[in-house]
Amino acid sequence: MALPTEVVIQRVNEDVRGWVGYFYYGGCSRDFSALRWFLEERVRIYLRRKYQQKSRGYKAYPYTYLYDTLGLFKIPMKPPWSPAAKASG
């Protein structure tokens, strides 16, 4: 029997928040971008299998549905600091 979607999203969010909190200050936006894509794909696969849909799930489960409706954690793509100005001359 499948878990309710809210429980699955809550557990995923807990893990992702911990991982992002640990690695956020390392300047790994490329890795976060790959993680974000992977996470979105896996959630769509879960939803397609749960509701037995044949499509890829992009129309049925767009980004707004994943983040606004389900409450999936949005991984930050920029570091919390601004880059230092380069000295010239």
PDB file of N, CA and C in Angstrom:
ATOM      1  N   MET A   1       0.838  -1.166   0.000  1.00  0.00           N
ATOM      2  CA  MET A   1       0.000   0.000   0.000  1.00  0.00           C
ATOM      3  C   MET A   1       0.894   1.244   0.000  1.00  0.00           C
ATOM      4  N   ALA A   2       0.568   2.176  -0.856  1.00  0.00           N
ATOM      5  CA  ALA A   2       1.376   3.389  -0.990  1.00  0.00           C
ATOM      6  C   ALA A   2       1.075   4.367   0.134  1.00  0.00           C
ATOM      7  N   LEU A   3       2.117   5.084   0.521  1.00  0.00           N
ATOM      8  CA  LEU A   3       1.950   6.129   1.525  1.00  0.00           C
ATOM      9  C   LEU A   3       1.209   7.313   0.921  1.00  0.00           C
ATOM     10  N   PRO A   4       0.539   8.113   1.737  1.00  0.00           N
ATOM     11  CA  PRO A   4      -0.072   9.335   1.206  1.00  0.00           C
ATOM     12  C   PRO A   4       1.001  10.259   0.639  1.00  0.00           C
ATOM     13  N   THR A   5       0.650  10.975  -0.384  1.00  0.00           N
ATOM     14  CA  THR A   5       1.597  11.849  -1.057  1.00  0.00           C
ATOM     15  C   THR A   5       2.182  12.883  -0.105  1.00  0.00           C
ATOM     16  N   GLU A   6       1.375  13.399   0.807  1.00  0.00           N
ATOM     17  CA  GLU A   6       1.857  14.412   1.754  1.00  0.00           C
ATOM     18  C   GLU A   6       2.991  13.868   2.618  1.00  0.00           C
ATOM     19  N   VAL A   7       2.868  12.611   3.028  1.00  0.00           N
ATOM     20  CA  VAL A   7       3.896  11.991   3.863  1.00  0.00           C
ATOM     21  C   VAL A   7       5.186  11.806   3.067  1.00  0.00           C
ATOM     22  N   VAL A   8       5.065  11.378   1.822  1.00  0.00           N
ATOM     23  CA  VAL A   8       6.242  11.172   0.978  1.00  0.00           C
ATOM     24  C   VAL A   8       6.958  12.495   0.746  1.00  0.00           C
ATOM     25  N   ILE A   9       6.213  13.543   0.416  1.00  0.00           N
ATOM     26  CA  ILE A   9       6.816  14.852   0.172  1.00  0.00           C
ATOM     27  C   ILE A   9       7.468  15.388   1.444  1.00  0.00           C
ATOM     28  N   GLN A  10       6.829  15.180   2.582  1.00  0.00           N
ATOM     29  CA  GLN A  10       7.395  15.638   3.854  1.00  0.00           C
ATOM     30  C   GLN A  10       8.734  14.955   4.135  1.00  0.00           C
ATOM     31  N   ARG A  11       8.810  13.656   3.910  1.00  0.00           N
ATOM     32  CA  ARG A  11      10.058  12.924   4.144  1.00  0.00           C
ATOM     33  C   ARG A  11      11.158  13.343   3.164  1.00  0.00           C
ATOM     34  N   VAL A  12      10.775  13.537   1.914  1.00  0.00           N
ATOM     35  CA  VAL A  12      11.748  13.991   0.911  1.00  0.00           C
ATOM     36  C   VAL A  12      12.263  15.372   1.290  1.00  0.00           C
ATOM     37  N   ASN A  13      11.353  16.268   1.684  1.00  0.00           N
ATOM     38  CA  ASN A  13      11.752  17.627   2.063  1.00  0.00           C
ATOM     39  C   ASN A  13      12.718  17.625   3.239  1.00  0.00           C
ATOM     40  N   GLU A  14      12.494  16.763   4.208  1.00  0.00           N
ATOM     41  CA  GLU A  14      13.387  16.688   5.367  1.00  0.00           C
ATOM     42  C   GLU A  14      14.802  16.312   4.935  1.00  0.00           C
ATOM     43  N   ASP A  15      14.912  15.319   4.086  1.00  0.00           N
ATOM     44  CA  ASP A  15      16.226  14.876   3.623  1.00  0.00           C
ATOM     45  C   ASP A  15      16.915  15.935   2.775  1.00  0.00           C
ATOM     46  N   VAL A  16      16.168  16.542   1.873  1.00  0.00           N
ATOM     47  CA  VAL A  16      16.756  17.531   0.973  1.00  0.00           C
ATOM     48  C   VAL A  16      17.163  18.779   1.747  1.00  0.00           C
ATOM     49  N   ARG A  17      16.349  19.215   2.690  1.00  0.00           N
ATOM     50  CA  ARG A  17      16.702  20.385   3.497  1.00  0.00           C
ATOM     51  C   ARG A  17      18.001  20.145   4.268  1.00  0.00           C
ATOM     52  N   GLY A  18      18.161  18.963   4.814  1.00  0.00           N
ATOM     53  CA  GLY A  18      19.387  18.640   5.532  1.00  0.00           C
ATOM     54  C   GLY A  18      20.592  18.644   4.618  1.00  0.00           C
ATOM     55  N   TRP A  19      20.450  18.058   3.448  1.00  0.00           N
ATOM     56  CA  TRP A  19      21.551  17.999   2.504  1.00  0.00           C
ATOM     57  C   TRP A  19      21.916  19.395   2.026  1.00  0.00           C
ATOM     58  N   VAL A  20      20.910  20.195   1.682  1.00  0.00           N
ATOM     59  CA  VAL A  20      21.153  21.560   1.201  1.00  0.00           C
ATOM     60  C   VAL A  20      21.752  22.417   2.311  1.00  0.00           C
ATOM     61  N   GLY A  21      21.268  22.275   3.525  1.00  0.00           N
ATOM     62  CA  GLY A  21      21.811  23.044   4.637  1.00  0.00           C
ATOM     63  C   GLY A  21      23.279  22.738   4.886  1.00  0.00           C
ATOM     64  N   TYR A  22      23.687  21.517   4.661  1.00  0.00           N
ATOM     65  CA  TYR A  22      25.074  21.134   4.887  1.00  0.00           C
ATOM     66  C   TYR A  22      25.991  21.649   3.775  1.00  0.00           C
ATOM     67  N   PHE A  23      25.544  21.544   2.517  1.00  0.00           N
ATOM     68  CA  PHE A  23      26.398  21.871   1.382  1.00  0.00           C
ATOM     69  C   PHE A  23      26.163  23.253   0.795  1.00  0.00           C
ATOM     70  N   TYR A  24      25.259  24.039   1.360  1.00  0.00           N
ATOM     71  CA  TYR A  24      24.844  25.307   0.755  1.00  0.00           C
ATOM     72  C   TYR A  24      25.974  26.316   0.651  1.00  0.00           C
ATOM     73  N   TYR A  25      26.893  26.333   1.566  1.00  0.00           N
ATOM     74  CA  TYR A  25      27.928  27.353   1.587  1.00  0.00           C
ATOM     75  C   TYR A  25      29.168  26.965   0.787  1.00  0.00           C
ATOM     76  N   GLY A  26      29.114  25.872   0.084  1.00  0.00           N
ATOM     77  CA  GLY A  26      30.267  25.434  -0.684  1.00  0.00           C
ATOM     78  C   GLY A  26      30.304  25.933  -2.116  1.00  0.00           C
ATOM     79  N   GLY A  27      29.299  26.678  -2.540  1.00  0.00           N
ATOM     80  CA  GLY A  27      29.288  27.182  -3.916  1.00  0.00           C
ATOM     81  C   GLY A  27      29.066  26.081  -4.930  1.00  0.00           C
ATOM     82  N   CYS A  28      28.058  25.270  -4.722  1.00  0.00           N
ATOM     83  CA  CYS A  28      27.827  24.130  -5.621  1.00  0.00           C
ATOM     84  C   CYS A  28      26.482  24.277  -6.341  1.00  0.00           C
ATOM     85  N   SER A  29      26.282  25.393  -7.022  1.00  0.00           N
ATOM     86  CA  SER A  29      25.007  25.628  -7.697  1.00  0.00           C
ATOM     87  C   SER A  29      24.783  24.646  -8.845  1.00  0.00           C
ATOM     88  N   ARG A  30      25.849  24.217  -9.501  1.00  0.00           N
ATOM     89  CA  ARG A  30      25.696  23.233 -10.577  1.00  0.00           C
ATOM     90  C   ARG A  30      25.178  21.904 -10.015  1.00  0.00           C
ATOM     91  N   ASP A  31      25.706  21.501  -8.880  1.00  0.00           N
ATOM     92  CA  ASP A  31      25.242  20.271  -8.252  1.00  0.00           C
ATOM     93  C   ASP A  31      23.808  20.415  -7.754  1.00  0.00           C
ATOM     94  N   PHE A  32      23.475  21.583  -7.213  1.00  0.00           N
ATOM     95  CA  PHE A  32      22.105  21.819  -6.759  1.00  0.00           C
ATOM     96  C   PHE A  32      21.130  21.803  -7.932  1.00  0.00           C
ATOM     97  N   SER A  33      21.554  22.313  -9.062  1.00  0.00           N
ATOM     98  CA  SER A  33      20.702  22.287 -10.247  1.00  0.00           C
ATOM     99  C   SER A  33      20.422  20.843 -10.667  1.00  0.00           C
ATOM    100  N   ALA A  34      21.441  20.019 -10.660  1.00  0.00           N
ATOM    101  CA  ALA A  34      21.259  18.603 -11.002  1.00  0.00           C
ATOM    102  C   ALA A  34      20.380  17.908  -9.971  1.00  0.00           C
ATOM    103  N   LEU A  35      20.563  18.232  -8.699  1.00  0.00           N
ATOM    104  CA  LEU A  35      19.735  17.647  -7.645  1.00  0.00           C
ATOM    105  C   LEU A  35      18.277  18.060  -7.804  1.00  0.00           C
ATOM    106  N   ARG A  36      18.068  19.327  -8.130  1.00  0.00           N
ATOM    107  CA  ARG A  36      16.698  19.822  -8.313  1.00  0.00           C
ATOM    108  C   ARG A  36      16.010  19.104  -9.463  1.00  0.00           C
ATOM    109  N   TRP A  37      16.707  18.938 -10.589  1.00  0.00           N
ATOM    110  CA  TRP A  37      16.139  18.227 -11.734  1.00  0.00           C
ATOM    111  C   TRP A  37      15.818  16.783 -11.354  1.00  0.00           C
ATOM    112  N   PHE A  38      16.754  16.119 -10.691  1.00  0.00           N
ATOM    113  CA  PHE A  38      16.568  14.725 -10.285  1.00  0.00           C
ATOM    114  C   PHE A  38      15.373  14.583  -9.343  1.00  0.00           C
ATOM    115  N   LEU A  39      15.266  15.494  -8.395  1.00  0.00           N
ATOM    116  CA  LEU A  39      14.182  15.459  -7.421  1.00  0.00           C
ATOM    117  C   LEU A  39      12.827  15.634  -8.102  1.00  0.00           C
ATOM    118  N   GLU A  40      12.729  16.589  -9.014  1.00  0.00           N
ATOM    119  CA  GLU A  40      11.475  16.810  -9.742  1.00  0.00           C
ATOM    120  C   GLU A  40      11.097  15.578 -10.553  1.00  0.00           C
ATOM    121  N   GLU A  41      12.064  14.987 -11.233  1.00  0.00           N
ATOM    122  CA  GLU A  41      11.790  13.791 -12.031  1.00  0.00           C
ATOM    123  C   GLU A  41      11.307  12.630 -11.159  1.00  0.00           C
ATOM    124  N   ARG A  42      11.961  12.413 -10.029  1.00  0.00           N
ATOM    125  CA  ARG A  42      11.580  11.296  -9.167  1.00  0.00           C
ATOM    126  C   ARG A  42      10.192  11.494  -8.569  1.00  0.00           C
ATOM    127  N   VAL A  43       9.850  12.719  -8.225  1.00  0.00           N
ATOM    128  CA  VAL A  43       8.504  12.982  -7.687  1.00  0.00           C
ATOM    129  C   VAL A  43       7.471  12.749  -8.782  1.00  0.00           C
ATOM    130  N   ARG A  44       7.762  13.182  -9.998  1.00  0.00           N
ATOM    131  CA  ARG A  44       6.824  12.930 -11.105  1.00  0.00           C
ATOM    132  C   ARG A  44       6.667  11.435 -11.365  1.00  0.00           C
ATOM    133  N   ILE A  45       7.761  10.694 -11.315  1.00  0.00           N
ATOM    134  CA  ILE A  45       7.681   9.245 -11.510  1.00  0.00           C
ATOM    135  C   ILE A  45       6.819   8.612 -10.421  1.00  0.00           C
ATOM    136  N   TYR A  46       7.026   9.050  -9.187  1.00  0.00           N
ATOM    137  CA  TYR A  46       6.219   8.539  -8.073  1.00  0.00           C
ATOM    138  C   TYR A  46       4.734   8.810  -8.320  1.00  0.00           C
ATOM    139  N   LEU A  47       4.393  10.038  -8.709  1.00  0.00           N
ATOM    140  CA  LEU A  47       2.997  10.396  -8.926  1.00  0.00           C
ATOM    141  C   LEU A  47       2.395   9.648 -10.116  1.00  0.00           C
ATOM    142  N   ARG A  48       3.168   9.490 -11.181  1.00  0.00           N
ATOM    143  CA  ARG A  48       2.664   8.740 -12.342  1.00  0.00           C
ATOM    144  C   ARG A  48       2.392   7.289 -11.987  1.00  0.00           C
ATOM    145  N   ARG A  49       3.276   6.689 -11.230  1.00  0.00           N
ATOM    146  CA  ARG A  49       3.064   5.289 -10.841  1.00  0.00           C
ATOM    147  C   ARG A  49       1.897   5.152  -9.871  1.00  0.00           C
ATOM    148  N   LYS A  50       1.776   6.104  -8.967  1.00  0.00           N
ATOM    149  CA  LYS A  50       0.703   6.037  -7.983  1.00  0.00           C
ATOM    150  C   LYS A  50      -0.665   6.153  -8.651  1.00  0.00           C
ATOM    151  N   TYR A  51      -0.764   7.049  -9.637  1.00  0.00           N
ATOM    152  CA  TYR A  51      -2.049   7.267 -10.304  1.00  0.00           C
ATOM    153  C   TYR A  51      -2.130   6.602 -11.662  1.00  0.00           C
ATOM    154  N   GLN A  52      -1.200   5.725 -11.972  1.00  0.00           N
ATOM    155  CA  GLN A  52      -1.182   4.888 -13.173  1.00  0.00           C
ATOM    156  C   GLN A  52      -1.373   5.694 -14.451  1.00  0.00           C
ATOM    157  N   GLN A  53      -0.488   6.654 -14.657  1.00  0.00           N
ATOM    158  CA  GLN A  53      -0.515   7.465 -15.859  1.00  0.00           C
ATOM    159  C   GLN A  53       0.628   7.060 -16.770  1.00  0.00           C
ATOM    160  N   LYS A  54       0.395   7.164 -18.068  1.00  0.00           N
ATOM    161  CA  LYS A  54       1.392   6.715 -19.040  1.00  0.00           C
ATOM    162  C   LYS A  54       2.309   7.837 -19.520  1.00  0.00           C
ATOM    163  N   SER A  55       1.899   9.084 -19.369  1.00  0.00           N
ATOM    164  CA  SER A  55       2.695  10.197 -19.896  1.00  0.00           C
ATOM    165  C   SER A  55       3.920  10.455 -19.019  1.00  0.00           C
ATOM    166  N   ARG A  56       4.771  11.394 -19.451  1.00  0.00           N
ATOM    167  CA  ARG A  56       5.958  11.752 -18.675  1.00  0.00           C
ATOM    168  C   ARG A  56       5.607  12.562 -17.439  1.00  0.00           C
ATOM    169  N   GLY A  57       4.445  13.198 -17.432  1.00  0.00           N
ATOM    170  CA  GLY A  57       3.980  13.906 -16.256  1.00  0.00           C
ATOM    171  C   GLY A  57       4.254  15.390 -16.240  1.00  0.00           C
ATOM    172  N   TYR A  58       4.805  15.943 -17.333  1.00  0.00           N
ATOM    173  CA  TYR A  58       5.104  17.375 -17.337  1.00  0.00           C
ATOM    174  C   TYR A  58       3.839  18.223 -17.399  1.00  0.00           C
ATOM    175  N   LYS A  59       2.824  17.777 -18.123  1.00  0.00           N
ATOM    176  CA  LYS A  59       1.571  18.537 -18.192  1.00  0.00           C
ATOM    177  C   LYS A  59       0.708  18.284 -16.964  1.00  0.00           C
ATOM    178  N   ALA A  60       0.670  17.059 -16.507  1.00  0.00           N
ATOM    179  CA  ALA A  60      -0.150  16.725 -15.343  1.00  0.00           C
ATOM    180  C   ALA A  60       0.451  17.270 -14.058  1.00  0.00           C
ATOM    181  N   TYR A  61       1.783  17.314 -13.978  1.00  0.00           N
ATOM    182  CA  TYR A  61       2.467  17.763 -12.766  1.00  0.00           C
ATOM    183  C   TYR A  61       3.541  18.799 -13.124  1.00  0.00           C
ATOM    184  N   PRO A  62       3.132  20.008 -13.483  1.00  0.00           N
ATOM    185  CA  PRO A  62       4.128  21.048 -13.808  1.00  0.00           C
ATOM    186  C   PRO A  62       4.846  21.530 -12.555  1.00  0.00           C
ATOM    187  N   TYR A  63       5.824  22.399 -12.755  1.00  0.00           N
ATOM    188  CA  TYR A  63       6.618  22.916 -11.640  1.00  0.00           C
ATOM    189  C   TYR A  63       5.741  23.575 -10.584  1.00  0.00           C
ATOM    190  N   THR A  64       4.744  24.336 -11.027  1.00  0.00           N
ATOM    191  CA  THR A  64       3.881  25.037 -10.068  1.00  0.00           C
ATOM    192  C   THR A  64       3.121  24.048  -9.198  1.00  0.00           C
ATOM    193  N   TYR A  65       2.708  22.926  -9.764  1.00  0.00           N
ATOM    194  CA  TYR A  65       2.008  21.918  -8.964  1.00  0.00           C
ATOM    195  C   TYR A  65       2.948  21.301  -7.933  1.00  0.00           C
ATOM    196  N   LEU A  66       4.165  20.981  -8.358  1.00  0.00           N
ATOM    197  CA  LEU A  66       5.112  20.348  -7.447  1.00  0.00           C
ATOM    198  C   LEU A  66       5.469  21.261  -6.278  1.00  0.00           C
ATOM    199  N   TYR A  67       5.709  22.530  -6.572  1.00  0.00           N
ATOM    200  CA  TYR A  67       6.194  23.440  -5.531  1.00  0.00           C
ATOM    201  C   TYR A  67       5.073  24.140  -4.772  1.00  0.00           C
ATOM    202  N   ASP A  68       4.044  24.599  -5.465  1.00  0.00           N
ATOM    203  CA  ASP A  68       2.988  25.355  -4.801  1.00  0.00           C
ATOM    204  C   ASP A  68       1.943  24.453  -4.158  1.00  0.00           C
ATOM    205  N   THR A  69       1.497  23.445  -4.866  1.00  0.00           N
ATOM    206  CA  THR A  69       0.431  22.583  -4.354  1.00  0.00           C
ATOM    207  C   THR A  69       0.952  21.514  -3.402  1.00  0.00           C
ATOM    208  N   LEU A  70       1.983  20.785  -3.837  1.00  0.00           N
ATOM    209  CA  LEU A  70       2.504  19.702  -2.992  1.00  0.00           C
ATOM    210  C   LEU A  70       3.430  20.211  -1.894  1.00  0.00           C
ATOM    211  N   GLY A  71       4.063  21.347  -2.104  1.00  0.00           N
ATOM    212  CA  GLY A  71       4.955  21.896  -1.100  1.00  0.00           C
ATOM    213  C   GLY A  71       6.358  21.327  -1.145  1.00  0.00           C
ATOM    214  N   LEU A  72       6.802  20.922  -2.320  1.00  0.00           N
ATOM    215  CA  LEU A  72       8.161  20.417  -2.476  1.00  0.00           C
ATOM    216  C   LEU A  72       9.156  21.530  -2.164  1.00  0.00           C
ATOM    217  N   PHE A  73      10.229  21.187  -1.463  1.00  0.00           N
ATOM    218  CA  PHE A  73      11.237  22.169  -1.065  1.00  0.00           C
ATOM    219  C   PHE A  73      11.971  22.687  -2.295  1.00  0.00           C
ATOM    220  N   LYS A  74      12.000  24.002  -2.456  1.00  0.00           N
ATOM    221  CA  LYS A  74      12.675  24.612  -3.598  1.00  0.00           C
ATOM    222  C   LYS A  74      14.142  24.831  -3.243  1.00  0.00           C
ATOM    223  N   ILE A  75      15.005  24.143  -3.936  1.00  0.00           N
ATOM    224  CA  ILE A  75      16.436  24.203  -3.676  1.00  0.00           C
ATOM    225  C   ILE A  75      16.979  25.535  -4.196  1.00  0.00           C
ATOM    226  N   PRO A  76      17.710  26.281  -3.361  1.00  0.00           N
ATOM    227  CA  PRO A  76      18.254  27.568  -3.810  1.00  0.00           C
ATOM    228  C   PRO A  76      19.355  27.353  -4.853  1.00  0.00           C
ATOM    229  N   MET A  77      19.369  28.217  -5.858  1.00  0.00           N
ATOM    230  CA  MET A  77      20.361  28.091  -6.922  1.00  0.00           C
ATOM    231  C   MET A  77      21.520  29.061  -6.761  1.00  0.00           C
ATOM    232  N   LYS A  78      21.390  30.042  -5.893  1.00  0.00           N
ATOM    233  CA  LYS A  78      22.457  31.023  -5.694  1.00  0.00           C
ATOM    234  C   LYS A  78      22.954  30.939  -4.260  1.00  0.00           C
ATOM    235  N   PRO A  79      24.241  31.196  -4.050  1.00  0.00           N
ATOM    236  CA  PRO A  79      24.764  31.215  -2.678  1.00  0.00           C
ATOM    237  C   PRO A  79      24.211  32.417  -1.916  1.00  0.00           C
ATOM    238  N   PRO A  80      24.211  32.387  -0.600  1.00  0.00           N
ATOM    239  CA  PRO A  80      23.624  33.482   0.179  1.00  0.00           C
ATOM    240  C   PRO A  80      24.474  34.748   0.189  1.00  0.00           C
ATOM    241  N   TRP A  81      25.674  34.703  -0.340  1.00  0.00           N
ATOM    242  CA  TRP A  81      26.514  35.886  -0.367  1.00  0.00           C
ATOM    243  C   TRP A  81      26.606  36.391  -1.803  1.00  0.00           C
ATOM    244  N   SER A  82      26.968  37.652  -1.956  1.00  0.00           N
ATOM    245  CA  SER A  82      27.170  38.204  -3.286  1.00  0.00           C
ATOM    246  C   SER A  82      28.653  38.103  -3.630  1.00  0.00           C
ATOM    247  N   PRO A  83      28.963  37.898  -4.909  1.00  0.00           N
ATOM    248  CA  PRO A  83      30.376  37.764  -5.276  1.00  0.00           C
ATOM    249  C   PRO A  83      31.125  39.080  -5.045  1.00  0.00           C
ATOM    250  N   ALA A  84      32.357  38.971  -4.653  1.00  0.00           N
ATOM    251  CA  ALA A  84      33.173  40.139  -4.384  1.00  0.00           C
ATOM    252  C   ALA A  84      33.518  40.837  -5.712  1.00  0.00           C
ATOM    253  N   ALA A  85      33.622  42.141  -5.660  1.00  0.00           N
ATOM    254  CA  ALA A  85      33.993  42.904  -6.839  1.00  0.00           C
ATOM    255  C   ALA A  85      35.467  42.656  -7.167  1.00  0.00           C
ATOM    256  N   LYS A  86      35.763  42.514  -8.429  1.00  0.00           N
ATOM    257  CA  LYS A  86      37.144  42.277  -8.843  1.00  0.00           C
ATOM    258  C   LYS A  86      37.899  43.608  -8.833  1.00  0.00           C
ATOM    259  N   ALA A  87      39.104  43.568  -8.326  1.00  0.00           N
ATOM    260  CA  ALA A  87      39.940  44.760  -8.310  1.00  0.00           C
ATOM    261  C   ALA A  87      40.564  44.946  -9.684  1.00  0.00           C
ATOM    262  N   SER A  88      40.555  46.155 -10.152  1.00  0.00           N
ATOM    263  CA  SER A  88      41.157  46.417 -11.463  1.00  0.00           C
ATOM    264  C   SER A  88      42.403  47.282 -11.295  1.00  0.00           C
ATOM    265  N   GLY A  89      43.289  47.170 -12.229  1.00  0.00           N
ATOM    266  CA  GLY A  89      44.412  48.075 -12.269  1.00  0.00           C
ATOM    267  C   GLY A  89      45.636  47.562 -11.741  1.00  0.00           C
TER     268      GLY A  89
END
